[in-house]
Amino acid sequence: MCSATKAIAQSRFKFLPQSNRKDEPIFISGTPERQKMGMFKEMAQALIGNNGSGDLGQEFEELKRLGESDPDLWQDRERLLLLVNSYDQARWVADEIRQCWWDIREQVYHLQRV
């Protein structure tokens, strides 16, 4: 098995429920379509925290640590994949991450219609 395949086999998937500023859980499923953009922005802000101090920043730090401790498997693998339900939602989340986490704005991508 090649080193990239070994690293992918060690991938972790996490469910990271987020809370809003009032410490209430953020629910998007079942939200009316006209309110979803705001909910996705709120979710992205919660994941980012203060300029990367939230769950996403912690995951990046863990990937960096793995890259330093086991470079054969983890070198140059500092990336995260966030799954949403549509192209519009992907754009909303990516735009919010770019606005809230200025240091990585050039490294944030999203799928779009062609």
C-alpha atoms as a PDB file:
ATOM      1  CA  MET A   1       0.000   0.000   0.000  1.00  0.00           C
ATOM      2  CA  CYS A   2       1.452   3.405  -0.956  1.00  0.00           C
ATOM      3  CA  SER A   3       1.997   6.075   1.696  1.00  0.00           C
ATOM      4  CA  ALA A   4      -0.874   8.280   0.417  1.00  0.00           C
ATOM      5  CA  THR A   5      -3.279   5.341   0.660  1.00  0.00           C
ATOM      6  CA  LYS A   6      -2.043   4.604   4.191  1.00  0.00           C
ATOM      7  CA  ALA A   7      -2.605   8.215   5.205  1.00  0.00           C
ATOM      8  CA  ILE A   8      -6.111   8.260   3.699  1.00  0.00           C
ATOM      9  CA  ALA A   9      -6.900   5.008   5.527  1.00  0.00           C
ATOM     10  CA  GLN A  10      -6.065   6.838   8.764  1.00  0.00           C
ATOM     11  CA  SER A  11      -8.457   9.695   7.996  1.00  0.00           C
ATOM     12  CA  ARG A  12     -10.890  10.618  10.701  1.00  0.00           C
ATOM     13  CA  PHE A  13     -14.430  11.801  10.292  1.00  0.00           C
ATOM     14  CA  LYS A  14     -15.899  13.941  13.026  1.00  0.00           C
ATOM     15  CA  PHE A  15     -19.295  15.249  13.924  1.00  0.00           C
ATOM     16  CA  LEU A  16     -18.751  18.634  15.537  1.00  0.00           C
ATOM     17  CA  PRO A  17     -22.063  20.138  16.687  1.00  0.00           C
ATOM     18  CA  GLN A  18     -21.777  23.905  17.044  1.00  0.00           C
ATOM     19  CA  SER A  19     -23.540  26.474  19.193  1.00  0.00           C
ATOM     20  CA  ASN A  20     -24.413  30.066  18.395  1.00  0.00           C
ATOM     21  CA  ARG A  21     -23.403  33.097  20.465  1.00  0.00           C
ATOM     22  CA  LYS A  22     -26.339  32.464  22.800  1.00  0.00           C
ATOM     23  CA  ASP A  23     -24.929  28.941  23.429  1.00  0.00           C
ATOM     24  CA  GLU A  24     -27.881  27.358  21.587  1.00  0.00           C
ATOM     25  CA  PRO A  25     -27.306  24.478  19.146  1.00  0.00           C
ATOM     26  CA  ILE A  26     -27.226  25.521  15.485  1.00  0.00           C
ATOM     27  CA  PHE A  27     -29.720  23.524  13.416  1.00  0.00           C
ATOM     28  CA  ILE A  28     -29.844  23.946   9.651  1.00  0.00           C
ATOM     29  CA  SER A  29     -31.890  20.959   8.547  1.00  0.00           C
ATOM     30  CA  GLY A  30     -35.533  21.978   8.297  1.00  0.00           C
ATOM     31  CA  THR A  31     -34.693  25.695   8.290  1.00  0.00           C
ATOM     32  CA  PRO A  32     -36.671  27.661   5.679  1.00  0.00           C
ATOM     33  CA  GLU A  33     -34.581  28.245   2.552  1.00  0.00           C
ATOM     34  CA  ARG A  34     -34.578  32.026   2.960  1.00  0.00           C
ATOM     35  CA  GLN A  35     -32.873  31.670   6.377  1.00  0.00           C
ATOM     36  CA  LYS A  36     -30.293  29.023   5.476  1.00  0.00           C
ATOM     37  CA  MET A  37     -27.584  31.405   4.260  1.00  0.00           C
ATOM     38  CA  GLY A  38     -27.496  33.083   7.655  1.00  0.00           C
ATOM     39  CA  MET A  39     -27.433  29.746   9.449  1.00  0.00           C
ATOM     40  CA  PHE A  40     -24.501  28.516   7.353  1.00  0.00           C
ATOM     41  CA  LYS A  41     -22.601  31.717   8.048  1.00  0.00           C
ATOM     42  CA  GLU A  42     -23.283  31.298  11.752  1.00  0.00           C
ATOM     43  CA  MET A  43     -22.084  27.680  11.591  1.00  0.00           C
ATOM     44  CA  ALA A  44     -18.882  28.704   9.784  1.00  0.00           C
ATOM     45  CA  GLN A  45     -18.219  31.423  12.363  1.00  0.00           C
ATOM     46  CA  ALA A  46     -18.665  28.904  15.181  1.00  0.00           C
ATOM     47  CA  LEU A  47     -16.291  26.396  13.525  1.00  0.00           C
ATOM     48  CA  ILE A  48     -13.659  29.082  12.971  1.00  0.00           C
ATOM     49  CA  GLY A  49     -13.817  30.763  16.367  1.00  0.00           C
ATOM     50  CA  ASN A  50     -11.617  33.808  16.794  1.00  0.00           C
ATOM     51  CA  ASN A  51      -9.344  33.781  13.705  1.00  0.00           C
ATOM     52  CA  GLY A  52      -8.897  30.011  13.709  1.00  0.00           C
ATOM     53  CA  SER A  53      -9.144  29.218  17.420  1.00  0.00           C
ATOM     54  CA  GLY A  54     -12.243  27.009  16.958  1.00  0.00           C
ATOM     55  CA  ASP A  55     -12.616  23.396  15.895  1.00  0.00           C
ATOM     56  CA  LEU A  56     -11.227  23.986  12.381  1.00  0.00           C
ATOM     57  CA  GLY A  57      -8.048  25.577  13.722  1.00  0.00           C
ATOM     58  CA  GLN A  58      -7.613  22.742  16.200  1.00  0.00           C
ATOM     59  CA  GLU A  59      -7.936  20.208  13.394  1.00  0.00           C
ATOM     60  CA  PHE A  60      -5.300  22.062  11.340  1.00  0.00           C
ATOM     61  CA  GLU A  61      -2.953  22.037  14.335  1.00  0.00           C
ATOM     62  CA  GLU A  62      -3.466  18.294  14.745  1.00  0.00           C
ATOM     63  CA  LEU A  63      -2.677  17.724  11.050  1.00  0.00           C
ATOM     64  CA  LYS A  64       0.469  19.853  11.404  1.00  0.00           C
ATOM     65  CA  ARG A  65       1.534  17.822  14.441  1.00  0.00           C
ATOM     66  CA  LEU A  66       0.955  14.565  12.554  1.00  0.00           C
ATOM     67  CA  GLY A  67       2.998  15.906   9.623  1.00  0.00           C
ATOM     68  CA  GLU A  68       5.903  16.632  11.936  1.00  0.00           C
ATOM     69  CA  SER A  69       5.738  13.344  13.851  1.00  0.00           C
ATOM     70  CA  ASP A  70       5.100  11.033  10.863  1.00  0.00           C
ATOM     71  CA  PRO A  71       6.093  12.868   7.671  1.00  0.00           C
ATOM     72  CA  ASP A  72       5.999   9.718   5.513  1.00  0.00           C
ATOM     73  CA  LEU A  73       2.226   9.529   5.962  1.00  0.00           C
ATOM     74  CA  TRP A  74       1.165  13.046   6.863  1.00  0.00           C
ATOM     75  CA  GLN A  75       3.526  15.550   5.247  1.00  0.00           C
ATOM     76  CA  ASP A  76       1.628  18.071   3.115  1.00  0.00           C
ATOM     77  CA  ARG A  77      -1.804  16.777   4.187  1.00  0.00           C
ATOM     78  CA  GLU A  78      -2.988  19.861   6.087  1.00  0.00           C
ATOM     79  CA  ARG A  79      -6.423  20.175   4.538  1.00  0.00           C
ATOM     80  CA  LEU A  80     -10.003  19.703   5.606  1.00  0.00           C
ATOM     81  CA  LEU A  81     -13.115  18.877   3.634  1.00  0.00           C
ATOM     82  CA  LEU A  82     -16.414  20.351   4.779  1.00  0.00           C
ATOM     83  CA  LEU A  83     -19.519  18.815   3.255  1.00  0.00           C
ATOM     84  CA  VAL A  84     -22.668  20.798   2.631  1.00  0.00           C
ATOM     85  CA  ASN A  85     -25.735  20.141   0.518  1.00  0.00           C
ATOM     86  CA  SER A  86     -25.485  22.476  -2.479  1.00  0.00           C
ATOM     87  CA  TYR A  87     -23.218  24.715  -4.528  1.00  0.00           C
ATOM     88  CA  ASP A  88     -24.820  27.780  -2.954  1.00  0.00           C
ATOM     89  CA  GLN A  89     -24.182  26.466   0.543  1.00  0.00           C
ATOM     90  CA  ALA A  90     -20.569  25.662  -0.376  1.00  0.00           C
ATOM     91  CA  ARG A  91     -20.097  29.264  -1.545  1.00  0.00           C
ATOM     92  CA  TRP A  92     -21.743  30.706   1.588  1.00  0.00           C
ATOM     93  CA  VAL A  93     -19.512  28.691   3.913  1.00  0.00           C
ATOM     94  CA  ALA A  94     -16.320  29.347   1.917  1.00  0.00           C
ATOM     95  CA  ASP A  95     -17.045  33.081   1.748  1.00  0.00           C
ATOM     96  CA  GLU A  96     -17.625  33.250   5.486  1.00  0.00           C
ATOM     97  CA  ILE A  97     -14.425  31.326   6.249  1.00  0.00           C
ATOM     98  CA  ARG A  98     -12.486  33.694   3.982  1.00  0.00           C
ATOM     99  CA  GLN A  99     -13.954  36.730   5.774  1.00  0.00           C
ATOM    100  CA  CYS A 100     -13.520  35.416   9.321  1.00  0.00           C
ATOM    101  CA  TRP A 101     -10.157  33.648   9.003  1.00  0.00           C
ATOM    102  CA  TRP A 102      -8.091  36.151   7.092  1.00  0.00           C
ATOM    103  CA  ASP A 103      -4.802  34.195   7.358  1.00  0.00           C
ATOM    104  CA  ILE A 104      -6.054  31.283   5.225  1.00  0.00           C
ATOM    105  CA  ARG A 105      -8.402  33.104   2.827  1.00  0.00           C
ATOM    106  CA  GLU A 106      -6.185  32.247  -0.180  1.00  0.00           C
ATOM    107  CA  GLN A 107      -6.363  28.519   0.686  1.00  0.00           C
ATOM    108  CA  VAL A 108     -10.174  28.183   0.873  1.00  0.00           C
ATOM    109  CA  TYR A 109     -11.902  26.661  -2.133  1.00  0.00           C
ATOM    110  CA  HIS A 110     -15.444  25.546  -2.888  1.00  0.00           C
ATOM    111  CA  LEU A 111     -17.200  23.649  -5.632  1.00  0.00           C
ATOM    112  CA  GLN A 112     -19.226  25.651  -8.106  1.00  0.00           C
ATOM    113  CA  ARG A 113     -21.436  25.008 -11.079  1.00  0.00           C
ATOM    114  CA  VAL A 114     -19.761  25.024 -14.487  1.00  0.00           C
END
